[in-house]
Amino acid sequence: PQKSAPRRNKLDHYAIIKFPLTTESAMKKIEDNNTLVFIVDIKANKHQIKQAVKKLYGIDVAKVNTLIRPDGEKKAYVRLTPDYDALDVANKIGII
C-alpha cells in the first residue's frame, strides 16, 4: 500500500530568518536595547522566530516584536536576555 511521506515543515530555521538588518537605527538598537533586528519570512510567527534565533545562534531570547514593512517584508526585533550581549552576538555573526 502507498503511504504518503511525512509532511516536512516548509519553514525550517534557515527559511525563517532571512538576514540581519544593518541600518543605523538597527545598530542603535543593538547598542542601546540589547536587541538584534532581522528580516524574517512573512509567514513566521514570534514563537518560530524565537526558536530559530535560539537554534541558529545559540542565544536566549527575552522577547520578539514584529512588524510588516511597507515593502511587504516582515521585520523582527529580537531582544536578548541580560546574560547575552547583543554587541558580542552581532560581532560573532558578522553584522558589525
Protein backbone atom coordinates (compact mmCIF):
# COMPACT_ATOMS: atom_id res chain seq x y z
CA PRO A 1 0.00 0.00 0.00
CA GLN A 2 1.17 3.51 -0.78
CA LYS A 3 1.86 5.71 2.16
CA SER A 4 2.39 9.44 1.94
CA ALA A 5 5.70 10.76 3.16
CA PRO A 6 5.52 12.74 6.41
CA ARG A 7 4.94 16.42 5.74
CA ARG A 8 8.15 18.36 6.17
CA ASN A 9 7.80 21.76 7.71
CA LYS A 10 8.34 24.28 4.91
CA LEU A 11 9.67 26.87 7.34
CA ASP A 12 12.84 25.41 8.79
CA HIS A 13 15.14 27.59 10.89
CA TYR A 14 17.11 28.70 7.85
CA ALA A 15 13.96 29.68 5.93
CA ILE A 16 12.53 31.69 8.84
CA ILE A 17 15.44 34.10 9.29
CA LYS A 18 16.45 35.72 6.01
CA PHE A 19 19.12 38.21 7.07
CA PRO A 20 20.01 40.70 9.82
CA LEU A 21 19.40 44.41 9.25
CA THR A 22 22.42 46.68 9.39
CA THR A 23 20.76 50.09 9.21
CA GLU A 24 21.78 52.91 11.51
CA SER A 25 18.63 52.51 13.59
CA ALA A 26 19.22 48.75 13.87
CA MET A 27 22.77 49.43 15.10
CA LYS A 28 21.38 51.82 17.72
CA LYS A 29 19.03 49.07 18.92
CA ILE A 30 21.96 46.67 19.23
CA GLU A 31 23.93 49.13 21.34
CA ASP A 32 21.17 50.61 23.49
CA ASN A 33 18.43 47.97 23.78
CA ASN A 34 20.32 44.64 23.57
CA THR A 35 18.18 43.91 20.52
CA LEU A 36 19.01 42.33 17.15
CA VAL A 37 16.92 43.18 14.08
CA PHE A 38 16.21 40.56 11.40
CA ILE A 39 14.17 40.36 8.22
CA VAL A 40 12.15 37.16 8.55
CA ASP A 41 9.72 35.11 6.48
CA ILE A 42 6.31 36.76 6.25
CA LYS A 43 4.58 33.58 7.49
CA ALA A 44 6.80 33.07 10.54
CA ASN A 45 5.27 33.80 13.94
CA LYS A 46 7.03 35.06 17.07
CA HIS A 47 7.45 31.58 18.57
CA GLN A 48 9.08 30.28 15.40
CA ILE A 49 11.39 33.31 15.19
CA LYS A 50 12.41 32.84 18.84
CA GLN A 51 13.17 29.14 18.26
CA ALA A 52 15.09 29.85 15.05
CA VAL A 53 17.33 32.50 16.66
CA LYS A 54 17.95 30.20 19.63
CA LYS A 55 18.87 27.29 17.34
CA LEU A 56 20.96 29.16 14.76
CA TYR A 57 22.92 31.44 17.07
CA GLY A 58 22.75 29.59 20.41
CA ILE A 59 21.44 32.58 22.36
CA ASP A 60 18.46 33.06 24.67
CA VAL A 61 15.72 35.42 23.56
CA ALA A 62 13.78 37.58 26.02
CA LYS A 63 11.06 38.67 23.58
CA VAL A 64 10.26 39.22 19.93
CA ASN A 65 8.43 42.18 18.39
CA THR A 66 7.42 42.04 14.73
CA LEU A 67 6.09 44.42 12.13
CA ILE A 68 5.39 44.23 8.43
CA ARG A 69 7.23 46.85 6.42
CA PRO A 70 5.54 48.79 3.62
CA ASP A 71 7.59 46.79 1.09
CA GLY A 72 5.93 43.60 2.33
CA GLU A 73 8.83 42.18 4.35
CA LYS A 74 8.44 41.19 8.00
CA LYS A 75 10.90 42.74 10.45
CA ALA A 76 11.61 41.13 13.81
CA TYR A 77 13.12 42.89 16.80
CA VAL A 78 14.72 40.14 18.88
CA ARG A 79 15.54 41.26 22.42
CA LEU A 80 18.17 39.14 24.16
CA THR A 81 18.22 38.12 27.81
CA PRO A 82 20.52 40.22 30.03
CA ASP A 83 23.17 37.46 30.20
CA TYR A 84 23.84 37.87 26.46
CA ASP A 85 25.31 41.00 24.89
CA ALA A 86 23.80 41.89 21.51
CA LEU A 87 27.03 43.64 20.51
CA ASP A 88 29.07 40.44 21.03
CA VAL A 89 26.50 38.33 19.19
CA ALA A 90 26.35 40.85 16.32
CA ASN A 91 30.15 40.71 16.04
CA LYS A 92 30.08 36.91 16.06
CA ILE A 93 27.52 36.62 13.25
CA GLY A 94 29.17 39.39 11.24
CA ILE A 95 26.63 42.22 11.40
CA ILE A 96 29.20 44.72 12.60
